[in-house]
Amino acid sequence: MSDKILETMGKFSAAEEFFQYLEVPFEQSVVHVNRLHILKRFNQYISHDGVSGADDIALKASYKAHLAKAYQDFVKSDAATEKVFKVFQEKDGQKVVGVDSLRASLDARRGV
């Protein structure tokens, strides 16, 4: 896995930066409403990818495909239906998932 790509993405502070870096076209209105959900789904997809040891070109292509797929999930559906975050999975809706979990999981993938 490329430390360079993960290091670069680890510095991003906005969802749009992922889309621009991976060259995935997007509608701002979809990302604006679903940014955390899209990034969480993206993280889920890359966690189950199995592309370890790939070169930078293959890894970036894989990440691009996974981000595009995560984005399409929310073009066709919504956060309540997709239930990416645990708060939507809980019957009473009282559990909270921290936003920092995305950054922590990316750090874990880098081995930080």
N, C-alpha and C. Protein backbone atom coordinates (compact mmCIF):
# COMPACT_ATOMS: atom_id res chain seq x y z
N MET A 1 0.84 -1.18 0.00
CA MET A 1 0.00 0.00 0.00
C MET A 1 0.88 1.24 0.00
N SER A 2 0.45 2.25 -0.65
CA SER A 2 1.26 3.46 -0.77
C SER A 2 1.05 4.40 0.41
N ASP A 3 2.13 4.67 1.11
CA ASP A 3 2.06 5.63 2.19
C ASP A 3 1.83 7.04 1.64
N LYS A 4 2.31 7.28 0.43
CA LYS A 4 2.19 8.60 -0.20
C LYS A 4 0.71 8.97 -0.41
N ILE A 5 -0.06 8.07 -0.94
CA ILE A 5 -1.48 8.35 -1.20
C ILE A 5 -2.24 8.52 0.12
N LEU A 6 -2.01 7.61 1.07
CA LEU A 6 -2.69 7.72 2.35
C LEU A 6 -2.27 8.97 3.11
N GLU A 7 -0.99 9.31 3.02
CA GLU A 7 -0.51 10.52 3.68
C GLU A 7 -1.18 11.75 3.09
N THR A 8 -1.27 11.79 1.78
CA THR A 8 -1.91 12.92 1.11
C THR A 8 -3.38 13.03 1.53
N MET A 9 -4.11 11.91 1.47
CA MET A 9 -5.53 11.95 1.83
C MET A 9 -5.73 12.24 3.31
N GLY A 10 -4.78 11.85 4.15
CA GLY A 10 -4.87 12.10 5.58
C GLY A 10 -4.84 13.58 5.93
N LYS A 11 -4.36 14.39 5.03
CA LYS A 11 -4.27 15.83 5.24
C LYS A 11 -5.54 16.57 4.81
N PHE A 12 -6.44 15.89 4.15
CA PHE A 12 -7.64 16.54 3.65
C PHE A 12 -8.56 16.91 4.81
N SER A 13 -9.22 18.05 4.66
CA SER A 13 -10.16 18.48 5.69
C SER A 13 -11.57 18.65 5.15
N ALA A 14 -11.75 18.42 3.86
CA ALA A 14 -13.07 18.56 3.25
C ALA A 14 -13.31 17.40 2.29
N ALA A 15 -14.53 16.96 2.22
CA ALA A 15 -14.89 15.85 1.34
C ALA A 15 -14.54 16.15 -0.11
N GLU A 16 -14.72 17.40 -0.50
CA GLU A 16 -14.44 17.79 -1.88
C GLU A 16 -12.99 17.52 -2.27
N GLU A 17 -12.08 17.59 -1.31
CA GLU A 17 -10.67 17.33 -1.59
C GLU A 17 -10.45 15.89 -2.03
N PHE A 18 -11.19 14.94 -1.44
CA PHE A 18 -11.09 13.55 -1.85
C PHE A 18 -11.56 13.39 -3.30
N PHE A 19 -12.68 14.04 -3.61
CA PHE A 19 -13.22 13.95 -4.97
C PHE A 19 -12.26 14.55 -5.99
N GLN A 20 -11.68 15.69 -5.66
CA GLN A 20 -10.75 16.35 -6.58
C GLN A 20 -9.47 15.54 -6.75
N TYR A 21 -8.91 15.06 -5.66
CA TYR A 21 -7.66 14.30 -5.71
C TYR A 21 -7.83 13.00 -6.49
N LEU A 22 -8.95 12.32 -6.27
CA LEU A 22 -9.19 11.05 -6.96
C LEU A 22 -9.89 11.22 -8.30
N GLU A 23 -10.16 12.48 -8.67
CA GLU A 23 -10.77 12.83 -9.95
C GLU A 23 -12.12 12.14 -10.16
N VAL A 24 -12.96 12.25 -9.13
CA VAL A 24 -14.31 11.69 -9.19
C VAL A 24 -15.28 12.86 -9.37
N PRO A 25 -16.03 12.89 -10.46
CA PRO A 25 -17.00 13.98 -10.65
C PRO A 25 -18.10 13.91 -9.59
N PHE A 26 -18.59 15.08 -9.18
CA PHE A 26 -19.63 15.12 -8.16
C PHE A 26 -20.47 16.37 -8.27
N GLU A 27 -21.68 16.27 -7.75
CA GLU A 27 -22.57 17.42 -7.64
C GLU A 27 -22.42 17.96 -6.23
N GLN A 28 -22.13 19.24 -6.11
CA GLN A 28 -21.92 19.85 -4.81
C GLN A 28 -23.12 19.66 -3.88
N SER A 29 -24.33 19.70 -4.42
CA SER A 29 -25.53 19.56 -3.59
C SER A 29 -25.60 18.19 -2.92
N VAL A 30 -25.14 17.14 -3.60
CA VAL A 30 -25.16 15.79 -3.02
C VAL A 30 -24.09 15.69 -1.93
N VAL A 31 -22.90 16.20 -2.21
CA VAL A 31 -21.81 16.13 -1.24
C VAL A 31 -22.12 17.01 -0.02
N HIS A 32 -22.70 18.15 -0.24
CA HIS A 32 -23.01 19.07 0.85
C HIS A 32 -23.90 18.41 1.90
N VAL A 33 -24.89 17.68 1.47
CA VAL A 33 -25.85 17.05 2.37
C VAL A 33 -25.32 15.75 2.97
N ASN A 34 -24.49 15.03 2.23
CA ASN A 34 -24.10 13.66 2.61
C ASN A 34 -22.60 13.45 2.82
N ARG A 35 -21.84 14.51 2.98
CA ARG A 35 -20.37 14.39 2.99
C ARG A 35 -19.84 13.36 3.98
N LEU A 36 -20.29 13.38 5.21
CA LEU A 36 -19.78 12.42 6.19
C LEU A 36 -20.21 11.00 5.88
N HIS A 37 -21.42 10.86 5.39
CA HIS A 37 -21.94 9.54 5.05
C HIS A 37 -21.16 8.95 3.87
N ILE A 38 -20.87 9.78 2.88
CA ILE A 38 -20.12 9.32 1.71
C ILE A 38 -18.71 8.90 2.13
N LEU A 39 -18.06 9.72 2.94
CA LEU A 39 -16.69 9.39 3.36
C LEU A 39 -16.65 8.15 4.25
N LYS A 40 -17.64 7.99 5.10
CA LYS A 40 -17.70 6.79 5.94
C LYS A 40 -17.90 5.55 5.07
N ARG A 41 -18.80 5.62 4.10
CA ARG A 41 -19.03 4.49 3.19
C ARG A 41 -17.77 4.21 2.39
N PHE A 42 -17.09 5.26 1.92
CA PHE A 42 -15.83 5.12 1.21
C PHE A 42 -14.82 4.36 2.07
N ASN A 43 -14.72 4.74 3.32
CA ASN A 43 -13.82 4.07 4.25
C ASN A 43 -14.20 2.60 4.42
N GLN A 44 -15.48 2.31 4.48
CA GLN A 44 -15.93 0.92 4.58
C GLN A 44 -15.52 0.13 3.34
N TYR A 45 -15.69 0.72 2.18
CA TYR A 45 -15.32 0.05 0.94
C TYR A 45 -13.82 -0.23 0.86
N ILE A 46 -13.00 0.78 1.19
CA ILE A 46 -11.55 0.56 1.07
C ILE A 46 -11.04 -0.37 2.17
N SER A 47 -11.75 -0.46 3.28
CA SER A 47 -11.35 -1.37 4.35
C SER A 47 -11.47 -2.83 3.93
N HIS A 48 -12.38 -3.09 3.01
CA HIS A 48 -12.61 -4.46 2.54
C HIS A 48 -12.05 -4.68 1.13
N ASP A 49 -11.16 -3.81 0.72
CA ASP A 49 -10.66 -3.79 -0.65
C ASP A 49 -9.74 -4.96 -0.97
N GLY A 50 -8.75 -5.22 -0.15
CA GLY A 50 -7.80 -6.28 -0.43
C GLY A 50 -6.77 -5.93 -1.48
N VAL A 51 -6.45 -4.65 -1.66
CA VAL A 51 -5.49 -4.22 -2.67
C VAL A 51 -4.12 -3.97 -2.05
N SER A 52 -3.86 -4.53 -0.90
CA SER A 52 -2.58 -4.26 -0.24
C SER A 52 -1.43 -4.67 -1.15
N GLY A 53 -0.37 -3.89 -1.10
CA GLY A 53 0.79 -4.16 -1.92
C GLY A 53 0.69 -3.63 -3.34
N ALA A 54 -0.41 -3.00 -3.68
CA ALA A 54 -0.59 -2.47 -5.03
C ALA A 54 0.28 -1.24 -5.24
N ASP A 55 0.63 -0.99 -6.49
CA ASP A 55 1.39 0.22 -6.78
C ASP A 55 0.47 1.43 -6.70
N ASP A 56 1.06 2.62 -6.76
CA ASP A 56 0.30 3.86 -6.61
C ASP A 56 -0.82 4.00 -7.63
N ILE A 57 -0.56 3.62 -8.86
CA ILE A 57 -1.56 3.77 -9.92
C ILE A 57 -2.75 2.86 -9.66
N ALA A 58 -2.49 1.61 -9.31
CA ALA A 58 -3.58 0.67 -9.03
C ALA A 58 -4.34 1.06 -7.77
N LEU A 59 -3.61 1.50 -6.77
CA LEU A 59 -4.26 1.89 -5.51
C LEU A 59 -5.15 3.12 -5.70
N LYS A 60 -4.64 4.10 -6.41
CA LYS A 60 -5.43 5.31 -6.66
C LYS A 60 -6.66 4.98 -7.51
N ALA A 61 -6.52 4.11 -8.47
CA ALA A 61 -7.66 3.69 -9.30
C ALA A 61 -8.70 2.97 -8.45
N SER A 62 -8.23 2.13 -7.54
CA SER A 62 -9.15 1.42 -6.65
C SER A 62 -9.89 2.40 -5.74
N TYR A 63 -9.16 3.34 -5.16
CA TYR A 63 -9.79 4.35 -4.30
C TYR A 63 -10.79 5.20 -5.08
N LYS A 64 -10.44 5.53 -6.31
CA LYS A 64 -11.34 6.31 -7.15
C LYS A 64 -12.65 5.55 -7.38
N ALA A 65 -12.55 4.27 -7.69
CA ALA A 65 -13.75 3.45 -7.92
C ALA A 65 -14.59 3.35 -6.65
N HIS A 66 -13.94 3.20 -5.52
CA HIS A 66 -14.68 3.08 -4.26
C HIS A 66 -15.35 4.40 -3.86
N LEU A 67 -14.68 5.51 -4.10
CA LEU A 67 -15.30 6.81 -3.79
C LEU A 67 -16.48 7.06 -4.71
N ALA A 68 -16.33 6.73 -5.98
CA ALA A 68 -17.43 6.90 -6.94
C ALA A 68 -18.62 6.03 -6.53
N LYS A 69 -18.36 4.82 -6.09
CA LYS A 69 -19.43 3.92 -5.65
C LYS A 69 -20.11 4.46 -4.40
N ALA A 70 -19.32 4.93 -3.43
CA ALA A 70 -19.88 5.50 -2.20
C ALA A 70 -20.75 6.72 -2.53
N TYR A 71 -20.27 7.55 -3.43
CA TYR A 71 -21.02 8.73 -3.85
C TYR A 71 -22.35 8.32 -4.49
N GLN A 72 -22.30 7.35 -5.39
CA GLN A 72 -23.52 6.89 -6.07
C GLN A 72 -24.54 6.32 -5.09
N ASP A 73 -24.07 5.71 -4.01
CA ASP A 73 -25.00 5.21 -2.98
C ASP A 73 -25.91 6.31 -2.49
N PHE A 74 -25.37 7.53 -2.38
CA PHE A 74 -26.15 8.63 -1.83
C PHE A 74 -26.80 9.50 -2.91
N VAL A 75 -26.43 9.29 -4.16
CA VAL A 75 -27.17 9.90 -5.26
C VAL A 75 -28.50 9.18 -5.41
N LYS A 76 -28.45 7.85 -5.25
CA LYS A 76 -29.63 7.01 -5.44
C LYS A 76 -30.45 6.83 -4.17
N SER A 77 -29.89 7.16 -3.02
CA SER A 77 -30.56 6.89 -1.75
C SER A 77 -30.32 8.05 -0.78
N ASP A 78 -30.55 7.82 0.51
CA ASP A 78 -30.30 8.85 1.51
C ASP A 78 -29.69 8.24 2.76
N ALA A 79 -29.28 9.11 3.68
CA ALA A 79 -28.57 8.66 4.88
C ALA A 79 -29.41 7.73 5.75
N ALA A 80 -30.67 8.03 5.90
CA ALA A 80 -31.53 7.20 6.74
C ALA A 80 -31.70 5.81 6.15
N THR A 81 -31.74 5.70 4.85
CA THR A 81 -31.90 4.41 4.19
C THR A 81 -30.58 3.62 4.20
N GLU A 82 -29.47 4.29 3.95
CA GLU A 82 -28.17 3.63 3.86
C GLU A 82 -27.64 3.20 5.23
N LYS A 83 -28.00 3.91 6.28
CA LYS A 83 -27.62 3.57 7.66
C LYS A 83 -26.12 3.32 7.83
N VAL A 84 -25.32 4.26 7.35
CA VAL A 84 -23.87 4.14 7.45
C VAL A 84 -23.42 4.32 8.90
N PHE A 85 -23.97 5.33 9.55
CA PHE A 85 -23.59 5.62 10.92
C PHE A 85 -24.49 4.89 11.91
N LYS A 86 -23.91 4.51 13.00
CA LYS A 86 -24.61 3.72 14.00
C LYS A 86 -25.87 4.43 14.52
N VAL A 87 -25.86 5.73 14.56
CA VAL A 87 -27.02 6.48 15.05
C VAL A 87 -28.27 6.16 14.23
N PHE A 88 -28.07 5.88 12.94
CA PHE A 88 -29.21 5.51 12.10
C PHE A 88 -29.58 4.04 12.26
N GLN A 89 -28.66 3.26 12.80
CA GLN A 89 -28.91 1.85 13.00
C GLN A 89 -29.62 1.58 14.32
N GLU A 90 -29.50 2.49 15.26
CA GLU A 90 -30.10 2.32 16.58
C GLU A 90 -31.59 2.62 16.53
N LYS A 91 -32.34 1.80 17.20
CA LYS A 91 -33.79 1.96 17.23
C LYS A 91 -34.20 3.28 17.86
N ASP A 92 -33.57 3.65 18.98
CA ASP A 92 -33.96 4.87 19.68
C ASP A 92 -33.18 6.09 19.22
N GLY A 93 -32.13 5.91 18.41
CA GLY A 93 -31.37 7.03 17.86
C GLY A 93 -30.57 7.79 18.88
N GLN A 94 -30.24 7.20 20.02
CA GLN A 94 -29.55 7.94 21.08
C GLN A 94 -28.04 7.75 21.08
N LYS A 95 -27.52 6.83 20.34
CA LYS A 95 -26.07 6.65 20.30
C LYS A 95 -25.47 7.61 19.28
N VAL A 96 -24.28 8.10 19.57
CA VAL A 96 -23.62 9.08 18.73
C VAL A 96 -22.27 8.53 18.26
N VAL A 97 -21.96 8.77 17.00
CA VAL A 97 -20.68 8.37 16.43
C VAL A 97 -19.89 9.64 16.16
N GLY A 98 -18.65 9.69 16.65
CA GLY A 98 -17.82 10.87 16.47
C GLY A 98 -17.30 11.02 15.06
N VAL A 99 -17.20 12.24 14.59
CA VAL A 99 -16.69 12.53 13.25
C VAL A 99 -15.20 12.18 13.15
N ASP A 100 -14.49 12.27 14.26
CA ASP A 100 -13.06 11.97 14.25
C ASP A 100 -12.77 10.51 13.95
N SER A 101 -13.79 9.65 13.96
CA SER A 101 -13.56 8.24 13.67
C SER A 101 -13.05 8.04 12.24
N LEU A 102 -13.44 8.89 11.32
CA LEU A 102 -12.93 8.79 9.93
C LEU A 102 -11.43 9.03 9.89
N ARG A 103 -10.99 10.07 10.56
CA ARG A 103 -9.55 10.39 10.56
C ARG A 103 -8.77 9.30 11.30
N ALA A 104 -9.32 8.81 12.41
CA ALA A 104 -8.65 7.76 13.18
C ALA A 104 -8.50 6.49 12.35
N SER A 105 -9.53 6.15 11.59
CA SER A 105 -9.45 4.92 10.80
C SER A 105 -8.43 5.08 9.67
N LEU A 106 -8.31 6.27 9.12
CA LEU A 106 -7.31 6.51 8.08
C LEU A 106 -5.90 6.41 8.68
N ASP A 107 -5.73 6.97 9.89
CA ASP A 107 -4.44 6.86 10.57
C ASP A 107 -4.11 5.39 10.85
N ALA A 108 -5.11 4.63 11.24
CA ALA A 108 -4.89 3.20 11.53
C ALA A 108 -4.44 2.47 10.27
N ARG A 109 -5.02 2.81 9.12
CA ARG A 109 -4.63 2.18 7.85
C ARG A 109 -3.18 2.52 7.48
N ARG A 110 -2.75 3.71 7.88
CA ARG A 110 -1.37 4.13 7.61
C ARG A 110 -0.40 3.54 8.62
N GLY A 111 -0.93 3.00 9.71
CA GLY A 111 -0.08 2.42 10.74
C GLY A 111 0.46 3.45 11.70
N VAL A 112 -0.22 4.61 11.80
CA VAL A 112 0.22 5.67 12.70
C VAL A 112 -0.24 5.37 14.10
